[in-house]
Structures are given as C-alpha cells and as structure tokens.
C-alpha atoms as a PDB file:
ATOM      1  CA  MET A   1      -5.876 -17.076  13.115  1.00  0.00           C
ATOM      2  CA  HIS A   2      -3.853 -14.739  15.344  1.00  0.00           C
ATOM      3  CA  VAL A   3      -2.494 -11.857  13.244  1.00  0.00           C
ATOM      4  CA  ALA A   4      -0.054  -9.161  14.373  1.00  0.00           C
ATOM      5  CA  VAL A   5      -0.262  -5.903  12.395  1.00  0.00           C
ATOM      6  CA  SER A   6       2.223  -3.051  12.278  1.00  0.00           C
ATOM      7  CA  GLY A   7       1.053   0.256  10.864  1.00  0.00           C
ATOM      8  CA  ALA A   8      -2.371  -0.598  12.263  1.00  0.00           C
ATOM      9  CA  SER A   9      -3.466   3.031  12.622  1.00  0.00           C
ATOM     10  CA  GLY A  10      -3.005   3.929   8.957  1.00  0.00           C
ATOM     11  CA  LEU A  11      -5.627   3.871   6.213  1.00  0.00           C
ATOM     12  CA  ILE A  12      -5.003   0.264   5.212  1.00  0.00           C
ATOM     13  CA  GLY A  13      -4.107  -0.980   8.695  1.00  0.00           C
ATOM     14  CA  THR A  14      -7.274   0.386  10.277  1.00  0.00           C
ATOM     15  CA  ALA A  15      -9.512  -1.210   7.658  1.00  0.00           C
ATOM     16  CA  LEU A  16      -7.587  -4.484   7.801  1.00  0.00           C
ATOM     17  CA  CYS A  17      -7.799  -4.805  11.592  1.00  0.00           C
ATOM     18  CA  GLN A  18     -11.527  -4.095  11.524  1.00  0.00           C
ATOM     19  CA  SER A  19     -12.105  -6.673   8.804  1.00  0.00           C
ATOM     20  CA  LEU A  20      -9.993  -9.348  10.503  1.00  0.00           C
ATOM     21  CA  ALA A  21     -11.855  -8.830  13.773  1.00  0.00           C
ATOM     22  CA  ARG A  22     -15.227  -9.071  12.012  1.00  0.00           C
ATOM     23  CA  SER A  23     -14.102 -12.379  10.510  1.00  0.00           C
ATOM     24  CA  GLY A  24     -13.321 -13.756  13.961  1.00  0.00           C
ATOM     25  CA  HIS A  25      -9.537 -13.509  13.872  1.00  0.00           C
ATOM     26  CA  GLN A  26      -7.496 -12.391  16.856  1.00  0.00           C
ATOM     27  CA  VAL A  27      -5.635  -9.159  16.090  1.00  0.00           C
ATOM     28  CA  SER A  28      -2.602  -7.738  17.904  1.00  0.00           C
ATOM     29  CA  LYS A  29      -1.511  -4.221  16.974  1.00  0.00           C
ATOM     30  CA  LEU A  30       2.127  -3.163  17.223  1.00  0.00           C
ATOM     31  CA  VAL A  31       2.233   0.318  18.773  1.00  0.00           C
ATOM     32  CA  ARG A  32       5.153   2.687  19.304  1.00  0.00           C
ATOM     33  CA  ARG A  33       4.235   3.538  22.899  1.00  0.00           C
ATOM     34  CA  PRO A  34       3.604   1.549  26.059  1.00  0.00           C
ATOM     35  CA  SER A  35       0.702  -0.825  25.408  1.00  0.00           C
ATOM     36  CA  ALA A  36      -2.448   0.572  26.991  1.00  0.00           C
ATOM     37  CA  ARG A  37      -5.083  -2.061  26.239  1.00  0.00           C
ATOM     38  CA  PRO A  38      -5.413  -5.754  25.408  1.00  0.00           C
ATOM     39  CA  GLY A  39      -4.331  -6.628  21.911  1.00  0.00           C
ATOM     40  CA  GLU A  40      -1.464  -4.137  21.788  1.00  0.00           C
ATOM     41  CA  ILE A  41       2.233  -4.992  21.524  1.00  0.00           C
ATOM     42  CA  SER A  42       4.697  -2.231  22.346  1.00  0.00           C
ATOM     43  CA  TRP A  43       7.812  -1.908  20.178  1.00  0.00           C
ATOM     44  CA  ASP A  44      10.445   0.687  19.343  1.00  0.00           C
ATOM     45  CA  PRO A  45      11.869   0.213  15.839  1.00  0.00           C
ATOM     46  CA  THR A  46      14.209   3.192  16.246  1.00  0.00           C
ATOM     47  CA  ALA A  47      15.864   1.509  19.229  1.00  0.00           C
ATOM     48  CA  GLY A  48      15.573  -1.951  17.666  1.00  0.00           C
ATOM     49  CA  SER A  49      13.344  -3.111  20.512  1.00  0.00           C
ATOM     50  CA  LEU A  50      10.702  -5.834  20.081  1.00  0.00           C
ATOM     51  CA  ASP A  51      10.185  -8.554  22.684  1.00  0.00           C
ATOM     52  CA  PRO A  52       9.639 -11.864  20.852  1.00  0.00           C
ATOM     53  CA  ALA A  53       7.698 -13.169  23.847  1.00  0.00           C
ATOM     54  CA  GLN A  54       4.955 -10.682  22.943  1.00  0.00           C
ATOM     55  CA  LEU A  55       4.567 -12.420  19.590  1.00  0.00           C
ATOM     56  CA  GLU A  56       4.171 -15.924  21.016  1.00  0.00           C
ATOM     57  CA  GLY A  57       1.164 -17.630  19.464  1.00  0.00           C
ATOM     58  CA  VAL A  58       0.999 -15.283  16.470  1.00  0.00           C
ATOM     59  CA  ASP A  59       0.260 -17.154  13.233  1.00  0.00           C
ATOM     60  CA  ALA A  60       0.895 -14.305  10.790  1.00  0.00           C
ATOM     61  CA  VAL A  61       2.450 -10.844  10.690  1.00  0.00           C
ATOM     62  CA  VAL A  62       1.290  -8.050   8.373  1.00  0.00           C
ATOM     63  CA  ASN A  63       3.850  -5.254   8.160  1.00  0.00           C
ATOM     64  CA  LEU A  64       2.362  -1.957   6.973  1.00  0.00           C
ATOM     65  CA  SER A  65       4.741   0.453   8.717  1.00  0.00           C
ATOM     66  CA  GLY A  66       6.185   3.471   6.940  1.00  0.00           C
ATOM     67  CA  ALA A  67       6.046   7.255   6.917  1.00  0.00           C
ATOM     68  CA  GLY A  68       3.626   8.697   4.365  1.00  0.00           C
ATOM     69  CA  ILE A  69       5.213   9.103   0.937  1.00  0.00           C
ATOM     70  CA  GLY A  70       3.226  12.234   0.118  1.00  0.00           C
ATOM     71  CA  ASP A  71       2.876  13.684   3.606  1.00  0.00           C
ATOM     72  CA  LYS A  72       5.781  16.146   3.355  1.00  0.00           C
ATOM     73  CA  ARG A  73       8.163  17.648   0.832  1.00  0.00           C
ATOM     74  CA  TRP A  74      11.085  15.380   0.063  1.00  0.00           C
ATOM     75  CA  THR A  75      13.877  17.090   1.930  1.00  0.00           C
ATOM     76  CA  ASP A  76      17.005  15.028   2.510  1.00  0.00           C
ATOM     77  CA  ALA A  77      15.903  14.472   6.113  1.00  0.00           C
ATOM     78  CA  TYR A  78      12.413  13.292   5.144  1.00  0.00           C
ATOM     79  CA  LYS A  79      13.770  11.002   2.443  1.00  0.00           C
ATOM     80  CA  ARG A  80      15.920   9.380   5.109  1.00  0.00           C
ATOM     81  CA  GLU A  81      12.829   9.002   7.299  1.00  0.00           C
ATOM     82  CA  LEU A  82      10.893   7.417   4.433  1.00  0.00           C
ATOM     83  CA  LEU A  83      13.649   4.842   3.981  1.00  0.00           C
ATOM     84  CA  ASP A  84      14.380   4.146   7.651  1.00  0.00           C
ATOM     85  CA  SER A  85      10.718   3.900   8.637  1.00  0.00           C
ATOM     86  CA  ARG A  86      10.389   1.017   6.194  1.00  0.00           C
ATOM     87  CA  VAL A  87      13.706  -0.781   6.209  1.00  0.00           C
ATOM     88  CA  ALA A  88      14.449  -0.588   9.957  1.00  0.00           C
ATOM     89  CA  THR A  89      10.965  -1.720  10.978  1.00  0.00           C
ATOM     90  CA  THR A  90      10.911  -4.538   8.447  1.00  0.00           C
ATOM     91  CA  SER A  91      14.376  -5.763   9.432  1.00  0.00           C
ATOM     92  CA  LEU A  92      13.438  -5.752  13.114  1.00  0.00           C
ATOM     93  CA  LEU A  93      10.232  -7.688  12.505  1.00  0.00           C
ATOM     94  CA  ALA A  94      11.877 -10.200  10.179  1.00  0.00           C
ATOM     95  CA  GLU A  95      14.840 -10.844  12.470  1.00  0.00           C
ATOM     96  CA  THR A  96      12.627 -11.115  15.551  1.00  0.00           C
ATOM     97  CA  ILE A  97      10.204 -13.678  14.129  1.00  0.00           C
ATOM     98  CA  ALA A  98      13.072 -15.584  12.474  1.00  0.00           C
ATOM     99  CA  GLY A  99      14.593 -16.179  15.916  1.00  0.00           C
ATOM    100  CA  MET A 100      11.420 -17.458  17.581  1.00  0.00           C
ATOM    101  CA  ASP A 101      11.015 -21.107  18.517  1.00  0.00           C
ATOM    102  CA  ARG A 102       7.425 -21.107  17.293  1.00  0.00           C
ATOM    103  CA  LYS A 103       7.576 -18.897  14.264  1.00  0.00           C
ATOM    104  CA  PRO A 104       4.630 -17.271  12.506  1.00  0.00           C
ATOM    105  CA  GLN A 105       3.769 -19.080   9.318  1.00  0.00           C
ATOM    106  CA  VAL A 106       3.683 -16.016   7.103  1.00  0.00           C
ATOM    107  CA  LEU A 107       4.954 -12.447   6.850  1.00  0.00           C
ATOM    108  CA  LEU A 108       3.085 -10.123   4.493  1.00  0.00           C
ATOM    109  CA  SER A 109       5.279  -7.072   4.151  1.00  0.00           C
ATOM    110  CA  GLY A 110       4.499  -3.753   2.535  1.00  0.00           C
ATOM    111  CA  SER A 111       5.999  -2.513  -0.699  1.00  0.00           C
ATOM    112  CA  ALA A 112       4.657  -0.400  -3.564  1.00  0.00           C
ATOM    113  CA  VAL A 113       4.333  -0.193  -7.322  1.00  0.00           C
ATOM    114  CA  GLY A 114       7.028   2.453  -7.082  1.00  0.00           C
ATOM    115  CA  PHE A 115       9.300  -0.607  -7.370  1.00  0.00           C
ATOM    116  CA  TYR A 116       8.879  -0.449 -11.149  1.00  0.00           C
ATOM    117  CA  GLY A 117       9.776   3.220 -11.658  1.00  0.00           C
ATOM    118  CA  GLU A 118       8.867   5.079 -14.857  1.00  0.00           C
ATOM    119  CA  ARG A 119       7.850   2.512 -17.508  1.00  0.00           C
ATOM    120  CA  GLY A 120       5.539   4.316 -19.949  1.00  0.00           C
ATOM    121  CA  ASP A 121       2.821   2.028 -21.296  1.00  0.00           C
ATOM    122  CA  GLN A 122       4.733  -1.238 -20.716  1.00  0.00           C
ATOM    123  CA  VAL A 123       2.544  -3.853 -19.005  1.00  0.00           C
ATOM    124  CA  LEU A 124       4.230  -4.813 -15.724  1.00  0.00           C
ATOM    125  CA  THR A 125       3.792  -8.047 -13.777  1.00  0.00           C
ATOM    126  CA  GLU A 126       5.582  -9.390 -10.720  1.00  0.00           C
ATOM    127  CA  GLN A 127       8.212 -10.797 -13.101  1.00  0.00           C
ATOM    128  CA  SER A 128       9.168  -7.342 -14.387  1.00  0.00           C
ATOM    129  CA  ASP A 129      12.496  -5.873 -13.358  1.00  0.00           C
ATOM    130  CA  ALA A 130      12.885  -3.079 -10.838  1.00  0.00           C
ATOM    131  CA  GLY A 131      12.990   0.448 -12.183  1.00  0.00           C
ATOM    132  CA  SER A 132      15.156   3.377 -11.180  1.00  0.00           C
ATOM    133  CA  GLY A 133      14.650   6.379  -8.931  1.00  0.00           C
ATOM    134  CA  PHE A 134      14.186   7.063  -5.245  1.00  0.00           C
ATOM    135  CA  LEU A 135      10.959   5.079  -4.753  1.00  0.00           C
ATOM    136  CA  ALA A 136      12.307   2.098  -6.662  1.00  0.00           C
ATOM    137  CA  ASP A 137      15.417   2.138  -4.460  1.00  0.00           C
ATOM    138  CA  ILE A 138      13.275   2.259  -1.314  1.00  0.00           C
ATOM    139  CA  CYS A 139      11.139  -0.644  -2.475  1.00  0.00           C
ATOM    140  CA  ARG A 140      14.146  -2.817  -3.303  1.00  0.00           C
ATOM    141  CA  LYS A 141      15.676  -2.240   0.132  1.00  0.00           C
ATOM    142  CA  TRP A 142      12.278  -2.619   1.833  1.00  0.00           C
ATOM    143  CA  GLU A 143      11.712  -6.008   0.242  1.00  0.00           C
ATOM    144  CA  SER A 144      15.276  -7.153   0.906  1.00  0.00           C
ATOM    145  CA  ALA A 145      14.799  -6.362   4.608  1.00  0.00           C
ATOM    146  CA  THR A 146      12.568  -9.443   4.965  1.00  0.00           C
ATOM    147  CA  GLY A 147      15.526 -11.714   4.202  1.00  0.00           C
ATOM    148  CA  ALA A 148      15.908 -13.117   7.713  1.00  0.00           C
ATOM    149  CA  ALA A 149      12.306 -14.331   7.731  1.00  0.00           C
ATOM    150  CA  SER A 150      12.650 -16.016   4.342  1.00  0.00           C
ATOM    151  CA  ALA A 151      15.901 -17.672   5.411  1.00  0.00           C
ATOM    152  CA  ALA A 152      14.133 -19.036   8.505  1.00  0.00           C
ATOM    153  CA  GLY A 153      11.512 -20.773   6.350  1.00  0.00           C
ATOM    154  CA  ILE A 154       8.689 -18.278   6.889  1.00  0.00           C
ATOM    155  CA  ARG A 155       6.511 -17.643   3.851  1.00  0.00           C
ATOM    156  CA  VAL A 156       7.035 -14.024   2.788  1.00  0.00           C
ATOM    157  CA  ALA A 157       4.974 -12.000   0.336  1.00  0.00           C
ATOM    158  CA  HIS A 158       5.763  -8.430  -0.671  1.00  0.00           C
ATOM    159  CA  LEU A 159       2.638  -6.288  -1.075  1.00  0.00           C
ATOM    160  CA  ARG A 160       3.375  -4.001  -4.042  1.00  0.00           C
ATOM    161  CA  THR A 161       0.445  -1.683  -3.508  1.00  0.00           C
ATOM    162  CA  GLY A 162      -0.858   0.884  -5.984  1.00  0.00           C
ATOM    163  CA  VAL A 163      -2.966   3.995  -5.367  1.00  0.00           C
ATOM    164  CA  VAL A 164      -5.532   2.959  -2.740  1.00  0.00           C
ATOM    165  CA  LEU A 165      -8.992   4.400  -3.370  1.00  0.00           C
ATOM    166  CA  ALA A 166     -11.042   5.431  -0.341  1.00  0.00           C
ATOM    167  CA  ASP A 167     -13.278   8.408   0.363  1.00  0.00           C
ATOM    168  CA  ARG A 168     -11.099   9.591   3.246  1.00  0.00           C
ATOM    169  CA  GLY A 169      -7.335   9.428   3.349  1.00  0.00           C
ATOM    170  CA  GLY A 170      -4.898   8.527   0.631  1.00  0.00           C
ATOM    171  CA  ALA A 171      -4.463  10.294  -2.695  1.00  0.00           C
ATOM    172  CA  LEU A 172      -8.126  10.161  -3.695  1.00  0.00           C
ATOM    173  CA  GLY A 173      -9.238  11.686  -0.411  1.00  0.00           C
ATOM    174  CA  LYS A 174      -7.129  14.748  -1.265  1.00  0.00           C
ATOM    175  CA  MET A 175      -8.480  14.927  -4.817  1.00  0.00           C
ATOM    176  CA  LEU A 176     -12.185  14.595  -4.120  1.00  0.00           C
ATOM    177  CA  PRO A 177     -12.882  18.144  -2.846  1.00  0.00           C
ATOM    178  CA  LEU A 178     -11.548  19.681  -6.070  1.00  0.00           C
ATOM    179  CA  PHE A 179     -13.449  17.256  -8.263  1.00  0.00           C
ATOM    180  CA  ARG A 180     -16.675  17.811  -6.327  1.00  0.00           C
ATOM    181  CA  PHE A 181     -16.386  21.527  -7.130  1.00  0.00           C
ATOM    182  CA  GLY A 182     -15.812  20.760 -10.800  1.00  0.00           C
ATOM    183  CA  LEU A 183     -12.182  21.875 -10.615  1.00  0.00           C
ATOM    184  CA  GLY A 184     -10.548  18.508 -11.297  1.00  0.00           C
ATOM    185  CA  GLY A 185      -8.800  17.518 -14.481  1.00  0.00           C
ATOM    186  CA  LYS A 186      -6.021  15.451 -15.948  1.00  0.00           C
ATOM    187  CA  MET A 187      -2.495  16.001 -14.672  1.00  0.00           C
ATOM    188  CA  GLY A 188      -0.128  17.258 -17.332  1.00  0.00           C
ATOM    189  CA  SER A 189      -0.528  15.234 -20.525  1.00  0.00           C
ATOM    190  CA  GLY A 190      -2.736  12.688 -18.747  1.00  0.00           C
ATOM    191  CA  ARG A 191      -0.843   9.836 -20.385  1.00  0.00           C
ATOM    192  CA  ALA A 192       0.817   8.479 -17.228  1.00  0.00           C
ATOM    193  CA  TYR A 193      -0.647   5.180 -16.060  1.00  0.00           C
ATOM    194  CA  TRP A 194      -1.995   5.054 -12.516  1.00  0.00           C
ATOM    195  CA  SER A 195      -2.211   1.580 -11.013  1.00  0.00           C
ATOM    196  CA  TRP A 196      -4.957   1.680  -8.395  1.00  0.00           C
ATOM    197  CA  ILE A 197      -6.933  -0.582  -6.062  1.00  0.00           C
ATOM    198  CA  SER A 198     -10.020  -0.029  -3.921  1.00  0.00           C
ATOM    199  CA  LEU A 199      -9.515  -0.165  -0.175  1.00  0.00           C
ATOM    200  CA  ALA A 200     -11.909  -3.108  -0.019  1.00  0.00           C
ATOM    201  CA  ASP A 201      -9.764  -5.071  -2.485  1.00  0.00           C
ATOM    202  CA  GLU A 202      -6.534  -4.021  -0.752  1.00  0.00           C
ATOM    203  CA  VAL A 203      -7.858  -5.526   2.476  1.00  0.00           C
ATOM    204  CA  GLY A 204      -9.477  -8.453   0.705  1.00  0.00           C
ATOM    205  CA  ALA A 205      -6.239  -9.318  -1.083  1.00  0.00           C
ATOM    206  CA  ILE A 206      -4.235  -9.190   2.149  1.00  0.00           C
ATOM    207  CA  GLU A 207      -6.727 -11.520   3.849  1.00  0.00           C
ATOM    208  CA  PHE A 208      -6.587 -13.809   0.803  1.00  0.00           C
ATOM    209  CA  LEU A 209      -2.785 -13.942   1.000  1.00  0.00           C
ATOM    210  CA  LEU A 210      -2.914 -14.860   4.688  1.00  0.00           C
ATOM    211  CA  GLU A 211      -4.635 -18.099   3.742  1.00  0.00           C
ATOM    212  CA  HIS A 212      -3.232 -18.938   0.294  1.00  0.00           C
ATOM    213  CA  PRO A 213       0.338 -20.173  -0.306  1.00  0.00           C
ATOM    214  CA  VAL A 214       1.560 -17.249  -2.402  1.00  0.00           C
ATOM    215  CA  SER A 215       5.060 -15.932  -1.802  1.00  0.00           C
ATOM    216  CA  GLY A 216       7.373 -13.358  -3.328  1.00  0.00           C
ATOM    217  CA  ALA A 217       6.172 -10.198  -5.037  1.00  0.00           C
ATOM    218  CA  VAL A 218       2.414  -9.662  -5.288  1.00  0.00           C
ATOM    219  CA  ASN A 219       0.987  -6.642  -7.090  1.00  0.00           C
ATOM    220  CA  LEU A 220      -1.923  -5.240  -5.087  1.00  0.00           C
ATOM    221  CA  THR A 221      -3.565  -3.372  -7.942  1.00  0.00           C
ATOM    222  CA  ALA A 222      -6.828  -3.774  -9.814  1.00  0.00           C
ATOM    223  CA  PRO A 223      -6.622  -5.614 -13.159  1.00  0.00           C
ATOM    224  CA  ALA A 224      -7.457  -2.430 -15.116  1.00  0.00           C
ATOM    225  CA  PRO A 225      -4.766   0.247 -14.638  1.00  0.00           C
ATOM    226  CA  ALA A 226      -5.828   3.544 -16.190  1.00  0.00           C
ATOM    227  CA  THR A 227      -4.118   6.557 -17.622  1.00  0.00           C
ATOM    228  CA  ASN A 228      -4.461   9.706 -15.571  1.00  0.00           C
ATOM    229  CA  ALA A 229      -6.815  11.093 -18.218  1.00  0.00           C
ATOM    230  CA  GLU A 230      -9.014   7.982 -18.006  1.00  0.00           C
ATOM    231  CA  PHE A 231      -8.937   8.093 -14.210  1.00  0.00           C
ATOM    232  CA  THR A 232      -9.990  11.727 -13.981  1.00  0.00           C
ATOM    233  CA  LYS A 233     -12.710  11.286 -16.625  1.00  0.00           C
ATOM    234  CA  ALA A 234     -14.169   8.302 -14.743  1.00  0.00           C
ATOM    235  CA  LEU A 235     -14.084  10.206 -11.451  1.00  0.00           C
ATOM    236  CA  GLY A 236     -15.814  13.195 -13.014  1.00  0.00           C
ATOM    237  CA  GLN A 237     -18.511  10.950 -14.469  1.00  0.00           C
ATOM    238  CA  ALA A 238     -19.068   9.270 -11.109  1.00  0.00           C
ATOM    239  CA  LEU A 239     -19.451  12.697  -9.465  1.00  0.00           C
ATOM    240  CA  HIS A 240     -21.441  14.173 -12.384  1.00  0.00           C
ATOM    241  CA  ARG A 241     -18.890  16.966 -12.609  1.00  0.00           C
ATOM    242  CA  PRO A 242     -16.872  18.294 -15.561  1.00  0.00           C
ATOM    243  CA  THR A 243     -13.168  17.498 -15.813  1.00  0.00           C
ATOM    244  CA  LEU A 244     -12.260  19.986 -18.503  1.00  0.00           C
ATOM    245  CA  LEU A 245      -9.534  21.899 -16.687  1.00  0.00           C
ATOM    246  CA  PRO A 246      -6.140  20.228 -17.156  1.00  0.00           C
ATOM    247  CA  VAL A 247      -3.670  20.753 -14.338  1.00  0.00           C
ATOM    248  CA  PRO A 248      -0.332  22.005 -15.731  1.00  0.00           C
ATOM    249  CA  SER A 249       2.574  19.977 -14.428  1.00  0.00           C
ATOM    250  CA  PHE A 250       4.278  23.045 -12.974  1.00  0.00           C
ATOM    251  CA  GLY A 251       1.431  23.550 -10.470  1.00  0.00           C
ATOM    252  CA  PRO A 252       1.889  20.335  -8.464  1.00  0.00           C
ATOM    253  CA  LYS A 253       5.652  20.688  -8.794  1.00  0.00           C
ATOM    254  CA  LEU A 254       5.531  24.112  -7.170  1.00  0.00           C
ATOM    255  CA  LEU A 255       3.235  22.817  -4.444  1.00  0.00           C
ATOM    256  CA  LEU A 256       4.906  19.485  -3.691  1.00  0.00           C
ATOM    257  CA  GLY A 257       8.390  19.877  -5.080  1.00  0.00           C
ATOM    258  CA  GLY A 258       9.479  18.498  -8.432  1.00  0.00           C
ATOM    259  CA  GLU A 259      10.776  15.101  -7.317  1.00  0.00           C
ATOM    260  CA  LEU A 260       7.718  14.255  -5.196  1.00  0.00           C
ATOM    261  CA  ALA A 261       5.235  15.481  -7.828  1.00  0.00           C
ATOM    262  CA  ASP A 262       6.969  13.462 -10.542  1.00  0.00           C
ATOM    263  CA  ALA A 263       6.950  10.326  -8.390  1.00  0.00           C
ATOM    264  CA  LEU A 264       3.313  10.583  -7.294  1.00  0.00           C
ATOM    265  CA  LEU A 265       1.562  12.120 -10.275  1.00  0.00           C
ATOM    266  CA  PHE A 266       3.596  11.887 -13.450  1.00  0.00           C
ATOM    267  CA  THR A 267       5.438   8.559 -13.221  1.00  0.00           C
ATOM    268  CA  SER A 268       3.768   5.948 -15.416  1.00  0.00           C
ATOM    269  CA  ALA A 269       3.531   2.333 -14.188  1.00  0.00           C
ATOM    270  CA  ARG A 270       0.989   0.048 -15.895  1.00  0.00           C
ATOM    271  CA  VAL A 271       0.889  -2.703 -13.287  1.00  0.00           C
ATOM    272  CA  VAL A 272      -1.343  -5.785 -13.379  1.00  0.00           C
ATOM    273  CA  PRO A 273      -1.964  -8.213 -10.460  1.00  0.00           C
ATOM    274  CA  GLN A 274      -0.920 -11.415 -12.205  1.00  0.00           C
ATOM    275  CA  ALA A 275      -0.005 -13.323  -9.024  1.00  0.00           C
ATOM    276  CA  LEU A 276      -3.374 -12.588  -7.404  1.00  0.00           C
ATOM    277  CA  LEU A 277      -5.281 -13.529 -10.551  1.00  0.00           C
ATOM    278  CA  ASP A 278      -3.303 -16.768 -10.945  1.00  0.00           C
ATOM    279  CA  ALA A 279      -4.015 -17.657  -7.307  1.00  0.00           C
ATOM    280  CA  GLY A 280      -7.759 -17.185  -7.827  1.00  0.00           C
ATOM    281  CA  TYR A 281      -8.459 -13.893  -6.087  1.00  0.00           C
ATOM    282  CA  ARG A 282     -11.726 -12.334  -7.291  1.00  0.00           C
ATOM    283  CA  PHE A 283     -11.772  -8.548  -7.273  1.00  0.00           C
ATOM    284  CA  ARG A 284     -14.749  -6.771  -5.765  1.00  0.00           C
ATOM    285  CA  HIS A 285     -13.960  -3.690  -7.850  1.00  0.00           C
ATOM    286  CA  PRO A 286     -12.112  -4.681 -11.033  1.00  0.00           C
ATOM    287  CA  ASP A 287     -12.804  -1.388 -12.861  1.00  0.00           C
ATOM    288  CA  LEU A 288     -12.933   2.291 -12.013  1.00  0.00           C
ATOM    289  CA  ALA A 289     -16.709   2.555 -12.344  1.00  0.00           C
ATOM    290  CA  SER A 290     -17.334  -0.030  -9.624  1.00  0.00           C
ATOM    291  CA  ALA A 291     -14.501   1.330  -7.487  1.00  0.00           C
ATOM    292  CA  PHE A 292     -15.829   4.896  -7.564  1.00  0.00           C
ATOM    293  CA  GLN A 293     -19.351   3.660  -6.835  1.00  0.00           C
ATOM    294  CA  TYR A 294     -17.942   1.954  -3.738  1.00  0.00           C
ATOM    295  CA  VAL A 295     -15.876   4.963  -2.671  1.00  0.00           C
ATOM    296  CA  LEU A 296     -18.598   7.555  -3.200  1.00  0.00           C
ATOM    297  CA  GLY A 297     -21.045   5.306  -1.386  1.00  0.00           C
ATOM    298  CA  GLY A 298     -18.933   5.696   1.753  1.00  0.00           C
ATOM    299  CA  GLY A 299     -16.626   2.693   1.388  1.00  0.00           C
ATOM    300  CA  THR A 300     -13.764   3.296   3.827  1.00  0.00           C
ATOM    301  CA  ALA A 301     -13.229  -0.233   5.050  1.00  0.00           C
ATOM    302  CA  ALA A 302     -13.264  -3.696   3.622  1.00  0.00           C
ATOM    303  CA  ALA A 303     -16.827  -3.954   2.439  1.00  0.00           C
ATOM    304  CA  SER A 304     -18.761  -6.980   3.493  1.00  0.00           C
END
C-alpha cells in the first residue's frame, strides 16, 4: 500500500511512518518546504498549495497535521493557529484528493477526545454527542473539514485520539521526570477521567483502520480509561516511586493558564474505543500496567 502522511515529523507520525516502512508499505511524507529527498511531497497549507499530481498512485492518506495543543499558552493568536493548522490543512487535503481522477481509497484524519468536552464519569462511545468548549469546537470543525472527501466517495475515519503514552514526547514525557524523582501526584481532586492509549496501539490502530472498512468517528483510546488518581498511582507503582503529593489545581493553572490547564488536566472524558473493539482490533496494551511496562521499557514506536 502507498500511504501519504501529513504531520509525519510528530510523535505519532514518526512512529507510524517507521512502522509502515517496516511492514513493506511505501510512505510519502508531506513536508512544508521544498522536497529534499525521495518520498517527500511539498505542500503549503497556508497558501492552499498541494499539487494533486504528487499524490498520484497513493492508496491512503493519514492526516496528522496540527499545532501542539499544549505547546504554548492559549493566547487568542495561538488559539487561531490551533484551529487553522487543523481545519485548513484538512480541507486542503480533502478537496485535493476529492478532485483526483484516481482517488485514494481512504482518508484517516486526526481528531481528539476533546470532541466530548467535560462529561464527568459518563461512559462515552463514538455515538455520544459532542461536548462544549474550545477543544470540542475545534474537533467538530476539524472533522467537518473532511466533507469533500466523503462526498467524493472516499472512506473517511476520524481518529479521536486520547493521551498518547510514550517515554519521550507527549504529556507523559513531560510528567516522567517529576515522577522519577518521587514528586508526582494526582492533579486536583484526581477524579477527572483520562482516556489514554499507548503509542504502539495508536500506530497499530491506524494501520488496522487502513485495511479494515471502518468509517466515521473512531475513538483511539485504550479500553480502560482511568481517573487521574488511578493513572498517577499506576505510574508511581511502575516507577517504584511514591505519589503522595497532590498537585493543587492552581499550580498548573498559573503555569499553563487556566483554560489550557482545565482542558488538558482537569476535564473529565471517560472514552471507550467501541468502534475498534467491534471491528476486531486487539490492543497490545489494554491496561495501564502493560502500557507503563512498554513505555518504561523504551517503547517509543510501534512495537513489533
């Protein structure tokens, strides 16, 4: 299979491209600069520039583009960048492949569990309604931006990804140093549900969806979402470190800004991957114990 990947240099994109190549697939990476080596496709989403001829022969497109949600404080300018870097890129990709004579068969396009907003302990599946708030608004617009591809008969799946666990990069990569020094603990009350997935399962699920006829929303989360208190306890046990020091909510809010801290750390979304389970995907790391064993063992790519 020939797969084109946007966002190929990010945490998920890097691991995905490596795994696809190991499996014998041809990978083309969309890059925002002049292509410098074979297997690169130059595009400019800001200018709306993508030559469809460069996508000739591509069987599938995986769209992982988007500025990092937690990379900067949420100023008005950065919130606009977070939205545009998802919606503009997705619209350009969808419209470009929709207009091709030989269209890719499938578009797997990024989204996030932020779609569901704050939902307490309610169990959420792909059939659950959208929530409210900035991230939920982004996700709705992000998913809607694939409309041209769907209208052209291309199978589209929206990858509603949770917290991706890897030893470097992502939220866990930022948490590990504190926990290794025994300074980690639950955030606030610890009651907020965190829906997570190992990097190996994130990549494995994407590869599964390339080859299985699943469309629409797909939750890319492990089947065992955990409260923040459960998550931090399991991480401390895996590291053999105490997790007795709770982190008051005002600390992260001072550091990150209230809106960003609430969205990343204190919003509760108890998401289960019903579509993946129904389609027969088997998780490598269905629980936190196995996921942390993988992460702490150096798992930064899709494990073989």
